[in-house]
């Protein structure tokens, strides 16, 4: 995930719903139950872990049975300690008591509950970057010490790898046209970290790296599911047993789910966004601008995908009376700076969501050089009566403004090229008149039209007009 590109805004569920989800996660609910189970006779070791003879009692308190019961109880206890649900009273005696944060789970605000859950998440993420227990046992020397060099394990690199994978999963989830709520195949997620963007056909060596990464992720997502970060379908174990199976990276579409599928939960989206913000990245959420001014809304949604921009605008409008909102939007759309055309385009899109209650605000700007054109468009689209026709000068000004906005929003898109071709075809003297338009973007727009038009003769006319416009503006 690039640190320079702005992230698309995420749609989060309410904090109350997220807090309920957090309390229902297997790991945090077990940690809370153990915090309430602990008493005067509970004893812990030097690291705060339950002493071995008390693990069966902890597992029994959680209703756990089987080979993994003690390990699951131990993990839940560690989370209880790390999150402050349990406090160490006397380190020498190994005594404990309920922590101050335990009460937050029942009487705290949703934000308090989520704060506890975020701490639990950090504990699990740290665990997920640690080698498998069997590998640690194999790395022990005769004296019981772990030889880290024999593990080929770099703690910092492992944490960075997992952070990168989760960042890519977040981006795939929030991007328009991305995975959304659909699960992502594990091979695709592993490949996103291994295969270079400019590589055509992956080499056998790269495919082997993808396969190894996929198996690491399988182990890690198994650990991350109980904390509620993801919903995970593990790799089909029969594939690991069958050495004749093709590489996971070459799996056909029908079989891809057998290689593991993962999706972020709503709680997981909240957690990863919190971590991104903590690391200093900009990770917007839909609704962030709802209490800001119209100028912030119009500028802030400039990089949003269309669906997210509409959702943000709807939340902004919901907090205001339609007439007052329209007036504020129109005032924010004025300006001769480079970003003004795009603001006016977003203003027009926002006003399309407002009903006829806003009509007085649009009529107030009919004579405005910058807003009169879009006001006429809005009034006509809403079936208003007595809409004065625009002057030729206003039509040309609005055309330049619209193309400037499209250039800012989409660059040299196929849609814009079609618009340019249509204008030149419908108006034989377009360039002869357009260079005179008193708009700051006129030279750049005409230059772009010359670049986009496929007809060399028309393109030359556009470039000549751009030169005249720039000379007129003293450029």
Protein backbone atom coordinates (compact mmCIF):
# COMPACT_ATOMS: atom_id res chain seq x y z
CA UNK A 1 0.00 0.00 0.00
CA UNK A 2 1.46 3.34 -1.06
CA UNK A 3 2.03 5.88 1.70
CA UNK A 4 1.76 8.80 -0.74
CA UNK A 5 -1.59 7.99 -2.34
CA UNK A 6 -4.66 9.09 -0.37
CA UNK A 7 -6.76 6.20 0.90
CA UNK A 8 -10.43 6.03 -0.12
CA UNK A 9 -12.84 6.79 2.73
CA UNK A 10 -14.16 3.82 4.67
CA UNK A 11 -17.78 3.38 5.71
CA UNK A 12 -17.85 2.44 9.37
CA UNK A 13 -20.79 1.17 11.36
CA UNK A 14 -21.71 3.08 14.51
CA UNK A 15 -19.43 2.88 17.55
CA UNK A 16 -22.30 1.32 19.54
CA UNK A 17 -22.55 -1.55 17.02
CA UNK A 18 -18.78 -1.92 16.88
CA UNK A 19 -18.57 -2.07 20.68
CA UNK A 20 -21.19 -4.83 20.73
CA UNK A 21 -19.17 -6.70 18.09
CA UNK A 22 -16.01 -6.27 20.18
CA UNK A 23 -17.67 -7.69 23.32
CA UNK A 24 -18.90 -10.66 21.30
CA UNK A 25 -15.48 -11.61 19.90
CA UNK A 26 -14.32 -14.97 21.25
CA UNK A 27 -10.98 -13.69 22.51
CA UNK A 28 -12.15 -10.58 24.38
CA UNK A 29 -15.18 -12.34 25.85
CA UNK A 30 -12.93 -15.15 27.13
CA UNK A 31 -10.49 -12.61 28.57
CA UNK A 32 -13.34 -10.88 30.41
CA UNK A 33 -14.65 -14.19 31.78
CA UNK A 34 -11.22 -15.10 33.10
CA UNK A 35 -10.85 -11.67 34.70
CA UNK A 36 -14.08 -12.32 36.60
CA UNK A 37 -13.02 -15.90 37.39
CA UNK A 38 -9.69 -14.86 38.91
CA UNK A 39 -9.61 -14.66 42.69
CA UNK A 40 -7.33 -14.62 45.73
CA UNK A 41 -6.02 -18.10 44.95
CA UNK A 42 -5.09 -17.29 41.34
CA UNK A 43 -1.34 -17.28 40.77
CA UNK A 44 0.78 -16.01 37.89
CA UNK A 45 4.40 -16.36 36.86
CA UNK A 46 7.03 -13.67 36.43
CA UNK A 47 5.62 -12.62 33.04
CA UNK A 48 2.03 -12.43 34.26
CA UNK A 49 1.11 -15.80 32.74
CA UNK A 50 -1.08 -18.24 34.63
CA UNK A 51 0.94 -20.89 36.40
CA UNK A 52 0.64 -24.25 34.68
CA UNK A 53 -1.38 -25.96 37.40
CA UNK A 54 -4.14 -23.34 37.08
CA UNK A 55 -4.58 -23.63 33.31
CA UNK A 56 -7.03 -26.57 33.60
CA UNK A 57 -9.21 -24.50 35.95
CA UNK A 58 -9.12 -21.54 33.57
CA UNK A 59 -10.02 -23.78 30.61
CA UNK A 60 -12.87 -25.27 32.64
CA UNK A 61 -14.14 -21.78 33.48
CA UNK A 62 -14.29 -21.06 29.77
CA UNK A 63 -15.99 -24.37 28.97
CA UNK A 64 -13.03 -25.50 26.87
CA UNK A 65 -12.03 -29.11 26.29
CA UNK A 66 -9.59 -30.92 24.08
CA UNK A 67 -5.91 -30.63 23.25
CA UNK A 68 -6.01 -26.85 22.62
CA UNK A 69 -8.00 -25.95 25.76
CA UNK A 70 -5.01 -24.95 27.91
CA UNK A 71 -3.35 -22.96 25.11
CA UNK A 72 -6.61 -21.12 24.35
CA UNK A 73 -7.11 -20.29 28.02
CA UNK A 74 -3.50 -19.10 28.30
CA UNK A 75 -3.95 -16.79 25.32
CA UNK A 76 -7.17 -15.35 26.77
CA UNK A 77 -5.43 -14.76 30.10
CA UNK A 78 -2.57 -12.92 28.42
CA UNK A 79 -5.07 -10.64 26.69
CA UNK A 80 -6.82 -10.03 30.02
CA UNK A 81 -3.52 -8.90 31.54
CA UNK A 82 -2.43 -6.81 28.55
CA UNK A 83 -5.76 -4.98 28.30
CA UNK A 84 -5.94 -4.15 32.02
CA UNK A 85 -8.88 -6.46 32.73
CA UNK A 86 -6.58 -8.15 35.26
CA UNK A 87 -3.93 -6.43 37.37
CA UNK A 88 -0.89 -7.98 39.03
CA UNK A 89 -1.18 -7.12 42.73
CA UNK A 90 2.09 -8.61 44.00
CA UNK A 91 4.72 -9.75 41.50
CA UNK A 92 6.67 -11.75 44.07
CA UNK A 93 3.59 -13.58 45.36
CA UNK A 94 2.03 -13.76 41.90
CA UNK A 95 -1.35 -12.52 43.09
CA UNK A 96 -3.88 -10.75 40.91
CA UNK A 97 -7.12 -8.79 41.08
CA UNK A 98 -9.71 -7.51 38.67
CA UNK A 99 -8.33 -4.56 36.73
CA UNK A 100 -9.85 -1.10 36.54
CA UNK A 101 -10.68 -1.56 32.86
CA UNK A 102 -12.91 -4.59 33.50
CA UNK A 103 -15.75 -2.28 34.52
CA UNK A 104 -15.47 -0.45 31.19
CA UNK A 105 -16.82 -3.51 29.40
CA UNK A 106 -20.15 -3.24 31.21
CA UNK A 107 -20.46 0.42 32.18
CA UNK A 108 -18.12 2.28 29.82
CA UNK A 109 -19.02 4.17 26.68
CA UNK A 110 -18.66 2.40 23.30
CA UNK A 111 -15.36 4.23 22.78
CA UNK A 112 -14.05 2.80 26.07
CA UNK A 113 -14.93 -0.74 24.99
CA UNK A 114 -13.27 -0.20 21.63
CA UNK A 115 -10.16 1.11 23.37
CA UNK A 116 -9.88 -2.17 25.30
CA UNK A 117 -10.44 -4.15 22.09
CA UNK A 118 -7.74 -2.20 20.24
CA UNK A 119 -5.25 -3.15 22.97
CA UNK A 120 -6.28 -6.79 22.59
CA UNK A 121 -5.76 -6.47 18.84
CA UNK A 122 -2.19 -5.23 19.33
CA UNK A 123 -1.45 -8.22 21.56
CA UNK A 124 -2.70 -10.66 18.93
CA UNK A 125 -0.89 -8.90 16.08
CA UNK A 126 2.35 -9.17 18.06
CA UNK A 127 1.70 -12.89 18.60
CA UNK A 128 0.94 -13.39 14.91
CA UNK A 129 4.44 -12.20 13.97
CA UNK A 130 6.13 -14.76 16.23
CA UNK A 131 7.31 -18.09 14.75
CA UNK A 132 5.27 -21.24 15.22
CA UNK A 133 5.75 -22.97 18.60
CA UNK A 134 7.18 -26.08 16.93
CA UNK A 135 9.80 -23.91 15.19
CA UNK A 136 10.72 -22.33 18.53
CA UNK A 137 11.14 -25.75 20.14
CA UNK A 138 13.35 -26.89 17.26
CA UNK A 139 15.50 -23.77 17.69
CA UNK A 140 16.27 -24.47 21.36
CA UNK A 141 19.84 -25.32 22.15
CA UNK A 142 20.99 -27.73 24.83
CA UNK A 143 20.70 -25.09 27.54
CA UNK A 144 17.07 -24.30 26.77
CA UNK A 145 17.89 -21.01 25.07
CA UNK A 146 16.30 -20.15 21.69
CA UNK A 147 18.79 -19.64 18.87
CA UNK A 148 16.99 -16.94 16.84
CA UNK A 149 19.58 -17.08 14.05
CA UNK A 150 18.57 -20.66 13.24
CA UNK A 151 14.95 -19.57 12.74
CA UNK A 152 15.71 -17.21 9.86
CA UNK A 153 13.35 -14.86 11.70
CA UNK A 154 13.51 -11.06 11.65
CA UNK A 155 10.88 -9.73 14.10
CA UNK A 156 10.78 -6.28 12.48
CA UNK A 157 10.50 -7.70 8.96
CA UNK A 158 7.75 -10.11 10.04
CA UNK A 159 5.73 -7.27 11.63
CA UNK A 160 6.21 -5.13 8.51
CA UNK A 161 5.09 -7.99 6.28
CA UNK A 162 1.89 -8.52 8.27
CA UNK A 163 1.23 -4.77 8.39
CA UNK A 164 1.67 -4.63 4.62
CA UNK A 165 -0.74 -7.51 4.05
CA UNK A 166 -3.35 -5.95 6.31
CA UNK A 167 -2.84 -2.58 4.61
CA UNK A 168 -3.45 -4.18 1.20
CA UNK A 169 -6.53 -5.99 2.52
CA UNK A 170 -7.84 -2.68 3.90
CA UNK A 171 -7.23 -0.95 0.56
CA UNK A 172 -8.94 -3.75 -1.38
CA UNK A 173 -11.92 -3.50 0.97
CA UNK A 174 -12.44 0.27 0.86
CA UNK A 175 -11.57 0.91 -2.79
CA UNK A 176 -14.44 1.51 -5.18
CA UNK A 177 -14.64 -1.51 -7.43
CA UNK A 178 -12.47 -3.49 -5.00
CA UNK A 179 -13.37 -6.48 -2.85
CA UNK A 180 -15.84 -4.60 -0.66
CA UNK A 181 -17.53 -7.13 1.60
CA UNK A 182 -16.44 -10.07 -0.57
CA UNK A 183 -13.64 -12.33 0.68
CA UNK A 184 -10.18 -12.04 -0.88
CA UNK A 185 -8.35 -15.21 -1.99
CA UNK A 186 -5.26 -15.83 0.13
CA UNK A 187 -3.00 -16.42 -2.93
CA UNK A 188 -3.97 -12.98 -4.31
CA UNK A 189 -3.17 -11.32 -0.98
CA UNK A 190 0.19 -13.10 -0.75
CA UNK A 191 0.99 -12.19 -4.35
CA UNK A 192 0.26 -8.52 -3.62
CA UNK A 193 3.26 -8.54 -1.29
CA UNK A 194 5.61 -10.68 -3.37
CA UNK A 195 5.03 -10.17 -7.10
CA UNK A 196 6.45 -6.88 -8.45
CA UNK A 197 3.90 -4.63 -10.19
CA UNK A 198 5.90 -4.59 -13.41
CA UNK A 199 6.38 -8.38 -13.58
CA UNK A 200 4.53 -10.12 -16.39
CA UNK A 201 4.61 -13.88 -15.88
CA UNK A 202 5.84 -14.78 -12.37
CA UNK A 203 8.91 -16.99 -12.28
CA UNK A 204 8.93 -20.34 -10.48
CA UNK A 205 11.00 -18.76 -7.71
CA UNK A 206 8.43 -16.00 -7.22
CA UNK A 207 5.57 -18.53 -7.26
CA UNK A 208 7.35 -20.50 -4.54
CA UNK A 209 7.70 -17.33 -2.46
CA UNK A 210 3.98 -16.65 -2.92
CA UNK A 211 3.17 -20.18 -1.78
CA UNK A 212 5.38 -19.82 1.33
CA UNK A 213 3.82 -16.44 2.14
CA UNK A 214 0.35 -17.89 1.72
CA UNK A 215 1.05 -20.59 4.29
CA UNK A 216 2.42 -17.99 6.73
CA UNK A 217 -0.74 -15.98 6.27
CA UNK A 218 -2.86 -19.06 6.84
CA UNK A 219 -1.28 -19.43 10.29
CA UNK A 220 -1.56 -15.71 11.03
CA UNK A 221 -5.20 -15.29 10.03
CA UNK A 222 -6.12 -18.31 12.16
CA UNK A 223 -4.76 -16.31 15.12
CA UNK A 224 -6.44 -13.06 14.04
CA UNK A 225 -9.94 -14.44 13.56
CA UNK A 226 -10.80 -14.93 17.30
CA UNK A 227 -10.12 -11.23 18.03
CA UNK A 228 -12.71 -10.31 15.41
CA UNK A 229 -10.39 -8.69 12.88
CA UNK A 230 -11.27 -11.03 10.01
CA UNK A 231 -13.57 -13.78 8.87
CA UNK A 232 -11.28 -16.51 7.57
CA UNK A 233 -11.65 -19.71 5.61
CA UNK A 234 -8.36 -21.58 6.14
CA UNK A 235 -6.38 -23.39 3.46
CA UNK A 236 -7.86 -26.83 2.75
CA UNK A 237 -5.59 -29.21 4.67
CA UNK A 238 -5.90 -31.88 1.99
CA UNK A 239 -3.97 -29.56 -0.34
CA UNK A 240 -1.06 -29.47 2.08
CA UNK A 241 -1.09 -33.24 2.33
CA UNK A 242 -1.15 -33.76 -1.45
CA UNK A 243 2.25 -32.97 -2.89
CA UNK A 244 0.93 -33.44 -6.44
CA UNK A 245 -1.36 -30.40 -6.16
CA UNK A 246 -0.45 -27.46 -8.36
CA UNK A 247 1.00 -24.32 -6.80
CA UNK A 248 -1.58 -22.12 -5.08
CA UNK A 249 -0.70 -19.25 -7.40
CA UNK A 250 -1.80 -21.37 -10.37
CA UNK A 251 -5.11 -22.42 -8.85
CA UNK A 252 -8.03 -22.19 -11.21
CA UNK A 253 -11.03 -20.07 -10.35
CA UNK A 254 -13.19 -23.00 -9.30
CA UNK A 255 -10.60 -24.15 -6.74
CA UNK A 256 -9.41 -20.79 -5.41
CA UNK A 257 -11.51 -20.92 -2.23
CA UNK A 258 -9.65 -24.08 -1.19
CA UNK A 259 -6.50 -22.00 -0.87
CA UNK A 260 -8.03 -19.79 1.80
CA UNK A 261 -10.34 -16.76 1.77
CA UNK A 262 -10.28 -13.75 4.09
CA UNK A 263 -12.37 -10.64 4.59
CA UNK A 264 -12.20 -7.81 7.09
CA UNK A 265 -15.10 -7.54 9.49
CA UNK A 266 -16.67 -4.12 10.24
CA UNK A 267 -14.71 -4.26 13.50
CA UNK A 268 -11.57 -5.12 11.54
CA UNK A 269 -12.04 -2.09 9.29
CA UNK A 270 -12.35 0.09 12.40
CA UNK A 271 -9.25 -1.47 13.96
CA UNK A 272 -7.03 -1.15 10.89
CA UNK A 273 -8.16 2.43 10.30
CA UNK A 274 -7.26 3.25 13.92
CA UNK A 275 -3.79 1.76 13.37
CA UNK A 276 -3.33 3.69 10.11
CA UNK A 277 -4.24 6.94 11.85
CA UNK A 278 -1.90 6.08 14.72
CA UNK A 279 0.94 5.62 12.22
CA UNK A 280 0.33 9.09 10.79
CA UNK A 281 -1.45 8.11 7.57
CA UNK A 282 -4.60 9.83 6.37
CA UNK A 283 -7.43 7.28 6.51
CA UNK A 284 -10.72 9.15 6.04
CA UNK A 285 -14.12 7.77 6.99
CA UNK A 286 -17.45 8.68 5.45
CA UNK A 287 -19.02 11.24 7.79
CA UNK A 288 -15.75 12.93 8.80
CA UNK A 289 -16.81 16.11 6.97
CA UNK A 290 -20.44 16.19 8.08
CA UNK A 291 -19.83 18.90 10.69
CA UNK A 292 -17.39 20.92 8.56
CA UNK A 293 -18.11 23.91 6.31
CA UNK A 294 -19.12 23.58 2.67
CA UNK A 295 -15.65 24.68 1.56
CA UNK A 296 -14.09 21.74 3.42
CA UNK A 297 -16.71 19.37 1.99
CA UNK A 298 -16.14 20.43 -1.62
CA UNK A 299 -12.35 20.31 -1.31
CA UNK A 300 -12.32 17.21 0.88
CA UNK A 301 -14.36 15.06 -1.50
CA UNK A 302 -12.19 15.99 -4.50
CA UNK A 303 -10.24 12.72 -4.26
CA UNK A 304 -13.20 10.57 -3.17
CA UNK A 305 -14.62 7.92 -5.50
CA UNK A 306 -18.13 8.90 -6.74
CA UNK A 307 -20.08 6.60 -4.41
CA UNK A 308 -18.14 7.73 -1.34
CA UNK A 309 -18.44 11.41 -2.34
CA UNK A 310 -22.20 11.06 -2.64
CA UNK A 311 -22.45 9.28 0.74
CA UNK A 312 -20.33 11.98 2.41
CA UNK A 313 -22.44 14.73 0.85
CA UNK A 314 -25.69 13.07 1.91
CA UNK A 315 -24.51 13.00 5.52
CA UNK A 316 -23.47 16.66 5.27
CA UNK A 317 -26.87 17.68 3.85
CA UNK A 318 -28.75 15.66 6.47
CA UNK A 319 -27.51 18.02 9.18
CA UNK A 320 -28.73 21.20 7.43
CA UNK A 321 -31.86 22.86 6.13
CA UNK A 322 -31.94 22.56 2.31
CA UNK A 323 -32.06 26.31 1.59
CA UNK A 324 -29.23 27.17 4.00
CA UNK A 325 -27.17 24.25 2.69
CA UNK A 326 -27.61 25.41 -0.91
CA UNK A 327 -26.51 28.94 -0.07
CA UNK A 328 -23.45 27.67 1.79
CA UNK A 329 -22.48 25.37 -1.09
CA UNK A 330 -22.84 28.11 -3.68
CA UNK A 331 -20.74 30.52 -1.62
CA UNK A 332 -18.00 27.89 -1.26
CA UNK A 333 -18.03 27.20 -5.02
CA UNK A 334 -16.89 30.72 -5.94
CA UNK A 335 -13.28 31.45 -6.80
CA UNK A 336 -10.71 31.81 -9.54
CA UNK A 337 -8.09 29.48 -8.07
CA UNK A 338 -7.02 26.24 -9.75
CA UNK A 339 -9.34 24.12 -7.60
CA UNK A 340 -12.44 26.26 -8.19
CA UNK A 341 -13.80 24.44 -11.30
CA UNK A 342 -13.75 21.11 -9.46
CA UNK A 343 -15.44 22.72 -6.43
CA UNK A 344 -18.20 24.00 -8.71
CA UNK A 345 -18.61 20.54 -10.22
CA UNK A 346 -18.93 19.02 -6.76
CA UNK A 347 -21.28 21.83 -5.77
CA UNK A 348 -23.49 20.98 -8.74
CA UNK A 349 -23.44 17.30 -7.79
CA UNK A 350 -24.29 18.14 -4.17
CA UNK A 351 -27.15 20.43 -5.21
CA UNK A 352 -28.61 17.60 -7.30
CA UNK A 353 -29.40 15.90 -3.98
CA UNK A 354 -31.38 18.91 -2.71
CA UNK A 355 -35.07 19.41 -3.49
CA UNK A 356 -37.03 22.44 -4.67
CA UNK A 357 -36.72 24.01 -1.20
CA UNK A 358 -33.34 25.25 -2.43
CA UNK A 359 -34.76 27.13 -5.43
CA UNK A 360 -34.49 30.63 -3.90
CA UNK A 361 -30.73 30.14 -3.38
CA UNK A 362 -30.23 29.24 -7.04
CA UNK A 363 -32.29 32.21 -8.27
CA UNK A 364 -30.17 34.53 -6.14
CA UNK A 365 -27.08 33.70 -8.22
CA UNK A 366 -28.59 33.78 -11.72
CA UNK A 367 -26.63 36.95 -12.55
CA UNK A 368 -23.40 35.69 -11.00
CA UNK A 369 -20.65 35.21 -13.61
CA UNK A 370 -19.31 32.06 -11.93
CA UNK A 371 -22.52 30.47 -10.66
CA UNK A 372 -25.20 31.69 -13.06
CA UNK A 373 -24.64 28.83 -15.50
CA UNK A 374 -24.90 25.99 -12.99
CA UNK A 375 -27.91 27.74 -11.40
CA UNK A 376 -29.73 27.66 -14.75
CA UNK A 377 -28.85 23.98 -15.22
CA UNK A 378 -30.22 23.13 -11.76
CA UNK A 379 -33.43 25.13 -12.21
CA UNK A 380 -34.08 23.58 -15.62
CA UNK A 381 -33.46 20.06 -14.36
CA UNK A 382 -35.91 20.66 -11.51
CA UNK A 383 -38.61 21.94 -13.85
CA UNK A 384 -38.59 25.49 -12.49
CA UNK A 385 -40.51 28.14 -14.42
CA UNK A 386 -39.19 31.41 -15.84
CA UNK A 387 -35.55 30.37 -16.13
CA UNK A 388 -33.78 33.09 -18.16
CA UNK A 389 -31.73 31.78 -21.09
CA UNK A 390 -27.96 32.07 -20.67
CA UNK A 391 -25.97 34.53 -22.74
CA UNK A 392 -23.44 33.20 -25.24
CA UNK A 393 -20.63 34.44 -23.00
CA UNK A 394 -22.07 32.47 -20.06
CA UNK A 395 -22.37 29.31 -22.18
CA UNK A 396 -18.72 29.52 -23.22
CA UNK A 397 -17.58 30.31 -19.67
CA UNK A 398 -19.53 27.31 -18.31
CA UNK A 399 -18.06 25.07 -21.02
CA UNK A 400 -14.49 26.07 -20.12
CA UNK A 401 -15.27 25.64 -16.42
CA UNK A 402 -16.79 22.19 -16.96
CA UNK A 403 -13.84 20.92 -19.01
CA UNK A 404 -11.39 22.32 -16.43
CA UNK A 405 -13.26 20.43 -13.71
CA UNK A 406 -13.23 17.21 -15.74
CA UNK A 407 -9.50 17.56 -16.34
CA UNK A 408 -8.91 18.00 -12.61
CA UNK A 409 -11.14 15.05 -11.73
CA UNK A 410 -10.26 12.50 -14.40
CA UNK A 411 -7.35 13.77 -16.47
CA UNK A 412 -7.32 12.85 -20.16
CA UNK A 413 -10.20 10.37 -19.96
CA UNK A 414 -12.04 8.80 -22.88
CA UNK A 415 -15.21 10.56 -21.71
CA UNK A 416 -13.50 13.94 -21.86
CA UNK A 417 -12.07 13.17 -25.29
CA UNK A 418 -15.62 12.45 -26.51
CA UNK A 419 -16.81 15.76 -25.05
CA UNK A 420 -13.98 17.64 -26.80
CA UNK A 421 -14.72 16.01 -30.15
CA UNK A 422 -18.43 16.80 -29.79
CA UNK A 423 -17.83 20.46 -29.00
CA UNK A 424 -15.52 20.98 -31.96
CA UNK A 425 -17.93 19.22 -34.29
CA UNK A 426 -21.08 21.04 -33.17
CA UNK A 427 -19.56 24.53 -33.05
CA UNK A 428 -17.47 25.31 -36.13
CA UNK A 429 -16.23 28.59 -34.66
CA UNK A 430 -15.71 27.31 -31.13
CA UNK A 431 -11.99 28.03 -30.88
CA UNK A 432 -12.33 31.46 -32.48
CA UNK A 433 -14.63 32.45 -29.61
CA UNK A 434 -13.29 30.29 -26.79
CA UNK A 435 -9.87 31.94 -26.50
CA UNK A 436 -11.58 35.19 -25.51
CA UNK A 437 -13.38 33.61 -22.52
CA UNK A 438 -12.40 35.42 -19.32
CA UNK A 439 -11.69 32.31 -17.26
CA UNK A 440 -8.34 31.55 -15.55
CA UNK A 441 -8.34 28.01 -16.97
CA UNK A 442 -9.03 28.97 -20.62
CA UNK A 443 -5.43 28.50 -21.89
CA UNK A 444 -5.01 25.15 -20.14
CA UNK A 445 -8.40 23.89 -21.33
CA UNK A 446 -7.71 24.82 -24.96
CA UNK A 447 -4.25 23.26 -24.73
CA UNK A 448 -5.82 20.05 -23.41
CA UNK A 449 -8.38 20.09 -26.21
CA UNK A 450 -5.53 20.28 -28.73
CA UNK A 451 -3.88 17.33 -27.03
CA UNK A 452 -7.04 15.24 -26.89
CA UNK A 453 -8.61 15.84 -30.31
CA UNK A 454 -7.60 13.13 -32.83
CA UNK A 455 -8.00 15.39 -35.88
CA UNK A 456 -4.66 17.13 -36.49
CA UNK A 457 -6.26 20.20 -38.09
CA UNK A 458 -8.70 20.71 -35.20
CA UNK A 459 -5.93 20.05 -32.65
CA UNK A 460 -3.81 22.74 -34.32
CA UNK A 461 -6.71 25.23 -34.10
CA UNK A 462 -7.04 24.45 -30.39
CA UNK A 463 -3.33 25.01 -29.75
CA UNK A 464 -3.43 28.33 -31.63
CA UNK A 465 -6.42 29.40 -29.56
CA UNK A 466 -4.58 28.37 -26.38
CA UNK A 467 -1.61 30.55 -27.38
CA UNK A 468 -3.92 33.55 -27.97
CA UNK A 469 -5.67 32.96 -24.62
CA UNK A 470 -2.36 32.81 -22.78
CA UNK A 471 -1.14 35.97 -24.47
CA UNK A 472 -4.38 37.75 -23.60
CA UNK A 473 -3.97 36.79 -19.94
CA UNK A 474 -0.35 37.98 -19.99
CA UNK A 475 1.08 34.49 -19.73
